[in-house]
């Protein structure tokens, strides 16, 4: 059983406004505070003034892509304990591997369901009770419903 989570902030970085808004609404409905950034440059400005509990990055963005930003963040000590989720329509094994090599905690293939994103964020941000052993993940959340 997972323990109760504390108030958490998610930084959502994606160049598509409608996508950011949809994901923000879903995460807000689950009690998360979402800060949005439309580019890597905006994300860096936000990160200059705060450290979120989780960062969700789009891979394909103009100017500076998500993998480049991931590489920058993964070497900064204050982000070493911050889970970073990559999200992209590029979902081949090589794409996922490239993200993991650069320090990603997880990879979401677009389109994904609202249940997939909330289950993943909950899993990454809810501390496990050490007395309970490893957390169990329900595969029910990964059934195709309400695709984005």
Protein backbone atom coordinates (compact mmCIF):
# COMPACT_ATOMS: atom_id res chain seq x y z
CA UNK A 1 0.00 0.00 0.00
CA UNK A 2 1.29 3.48 -0.87
CA UNK A 3 1.34 6.24 1.73
CA UNK A 4 -0.53 9.54 1.39
CA UNK A 5 1.26 11.96 -0.95
CA UNK A 6 2.17 15.51 -0.03
CA UNK A 7 1.19 18.51 -2.13
CA UNK A 8 3.24 18.30 -5.29
CA UNK A 9 4.12 20.44 -8.27
CA UNK A 10 4.60 19.08 -11.77
CA UNK A 11 6.40 21.08 -14.46
CA UNK A 12 4.83 20.24 -17.83
CA UNK A 13 6.96 21.24 -20.83
CA UNK A 14 5.42 20.95 -24.29
CA UNK A 15 5.11 23.29 -27.27
CA UNK A 16 1.47 22.29 -27.90
CA UNK A 17 -0.83 24.47 -25.79
CA UNK A 18 -3.91 22.21 -26.11
CA UNK A 19 -1.90 19.20 -24.94
CA UNK A 20 -0.53 21.15 -21.95
CA UNK A 21 -4.01 22.31 -21.03
CA UNK A 22 -5.55 18.82 -21.25
CA UNK A 23 -2.81 17.15 -19.21
CA UNK A 24 -2.85 20.01 -16.69
CA UNK A 25 -6.60 19.64 -16.16
CA UNK A 26 -6.24 15.90 -15.56
CA UNK A 27 -3.36 16.30 -13.10
CA UNK A 28 -5.09 19.23 -11.35
CA UNK A 29 -8.17 17.04 -10.88
CA UNK A 30 -5.92 14.55 -9.05
CA UNK A 31 -4.60 17.21 -6.66
CA UNK A 32 -1.38 18.12 -8.43
CA UNK A 33 -0.29 21.69 -9.07
CA UNK A 34 0.88 22.02 -12.67
CA UNK A 35 3.20 24.72 -13.94
CA UNK A 36 3.29 24.93 -17.73
CA UNK A 37 6.15 25.87 -20.04
CA UNK A 38 5.86 26.06 -23.83
CA UNK A 39 9.56 25.57 -24.57
CA UNK A 40 12.84 24.47 -23.05
CA UNK A 41 13.79 28.13 -22.56
CA UNK A 42 10.58 28.79 -20.59
CA UNK A 43 11.21 25.65 -18.55
CA UNK A 44 14.68 26.84 -17.61
CA UNK A 45 13.22 30.19 -16.49
CA UNK A 46 10.73 28.36 -14.27
CA UNK A 47 13.46 26.08 -12.92
CA UNK A 48 15.54 29.13 -11.97
CA UNK A 49 12.91 30.02 -9.37
CA UNK A 50 11.53 26.63 -8.26
CA UNK A 51 12.21 22.92 -8.15
CA UNK A 52 9.14 20.82 -8.99
CA UNK A 53 8.61 17.33 -7.61
CA UNK A 54 8.28 15.94 -11.16
CA UNK A 55 9.09 17.19 -14.67
CA UNK A 56 7.26 16.01 -17.79
CA UNK A 57 9.05 16.85 -21.06
CA UNK A 58 7.96 16.55 -24.66
CA UNK A 59 10.72 15.09 -26.81
CA UNK A 60 9.99 16.98 -30.03
CA UNK A 61 10.04 20.74 -29.46
CA UNK A 62 11.40 23.52 -31.67
CA UNK A 63 14.76 25.13 -30.91
CA UNK A 64 15.83 22.98 -27.94
CA UNK A 65 14.28 19.50 -27.82
CA UNK A 66 13.30 17.62 -24.71
CA UNK A 67 16.25 15.22 -24.84
CA UNK A 68 18.70 18.13 -24.84
CA UNK A 69 16.92 19.69 -21.87
CA UNK A 70 16.87 16.29 -20.13
CA UNK A 71 20.64 16.00 -20.60
CA UNK A 72 21.12 19.47 -19.07
CA UNK A 73 18.91 18.71 -16.07
CA UNK A 74 20.34 15.25 -15.39
CA UNK A 75 23.75 16.66 -14.48
CA UNK A 76 22.46 19.31 -12.05
CA UNK A 77 22.55 18.05 -8.46
CA UNK A 78 19.22 19.62 -7.45
CA UNK A 79 17.38 17.61 -10.12
CA UNK A 80 18.96 14.22 -9.42
CA UNK A 81 16.05 13.17 -7.21
CA UNK A 82 13.35 14.72 -9.42
CA UNK A 83 11.63 12.16 -11.65
CA UNK A 84 11.65 13.25 -15.30
CA UNK A 85 9.05 11.74 -17.61
CA UNK A 86 9.53 11.99 -21.36
CA UNK A 87 6.40 12.08 -23.52
CA UNK A 88 6.45 11.68 -27.27
CA UNK A 89 4.81 10.22 -30.35
CA UNK A 90 8.27 8.78 -31.05
CA UNK A 91 7.88 5.52 -29.18
CA UNK A 92 10.29 3.07 -30.77
CA UNK A 93 12.64 1.15 -28.49
CA UNK A 94 15.57 3.31 -29.65
CA UNK A 95 13.68 6.49 -28.67
CA UNK A 96 12.93 5.16 -25.20
CA UNK A 97 16.49 3.92 -24.76
CA UNK A 98 17.88 7.32 -25.77
CA UNK A 99 15.75 8.98 -23.08
CA UNK A 100 16.75 6.49 -20.40
CA UNK A 101 20.43 6.90 -21.27
CA UNK A 102 20.06 10.64 -20.65
CA UNK A 103 18.40 10.14 -17.26
CA UNK A 104 14.64 9.83 -17.85
CA UNK A 105 12.66 8.10 -15.12
CA UNK A 106 9.88 7.02 -17.48
CA UNK A 107 8.63 7.37 -21.04
CA UNK A 108 5.02 7.90 -22.10
CA UNK A 109 4.11 7.21 -25.71
CA UNK A 110 1.61 9.68 -27.18
CA UNK A 111 -1.25 9.30 -27.47
CA UNK A 112 -1.74 8.06 -23.94
CA UNK A 113 -4.80 7.78 -21.75
CA UNK A 114 -5.55 10.03 -18.84
CA UNK A 115 -5.36 6.97 -16.60
CA UNK A 116 -1.86 6.20 -17.88
CA UNK A 117 -0.51 9.64 -17.07
CA UNK A 118 -2.13 9.88 -13.64
CA UNK A 119 -1.08 6.33 -12.70
CA UNK A 120 2.50 7.01 -13.71
CA UNK A 121 2.68 10.36 -11.91
CA UNK A 122 1.07 8.84 -8.80
CA UNK A 123 3.55 5.98 -8.89
CA UNK A 124 6.59 8.24 -9.27
CA UNK A 125 5.48 10.74 -6.61
CA UNK A 126 3.84 8.65 -3.90
CA UNK A 127 6.45 7.37 -1.49
CA UNK A 128 6.24 3.67 -0.80
CA UNK A 129 5.88 2.40 2.74
CA UNK A 130 9.12 0.38 3.20
CA UNK A 131 7.29 -2.07 5.48
CA UNK A 132 4.93 -2.94 2.62
CA UNK A 133 7.65 -4.03 0.19
CA UNK A 134 7.64 -3.13 -3.51
CA UNK A 135 4.60 -1.27 -4.84
CA UNK A 136 2.14 -3.12 -7.02
CA UNK A 137 1.12 -1.53 -10.29
CA UNK A 138 -2.32 -2.25 -11.68
CA UNK A 139 -2.43 -2.86 -15.42
CA UNK A 140 -6.09 -1.76 -15.47
CA UNK A 141 -4.95 1.85 -15.73
CA UNK A 142 -3.22 1.08 -19.01
CA UNK A 143 -6.33 -0.01 -20.90
CA UNK A 144 -7.21 2.23 -23.86
CA UNK A 145 -9.84 4.77 -22.78
CA UNK A 146 -10.19 8.47 -23.59
CA UNK A 147 -7.13 8.69 -25.83
CA UNK A 148 -5.45 12.06 -26.20
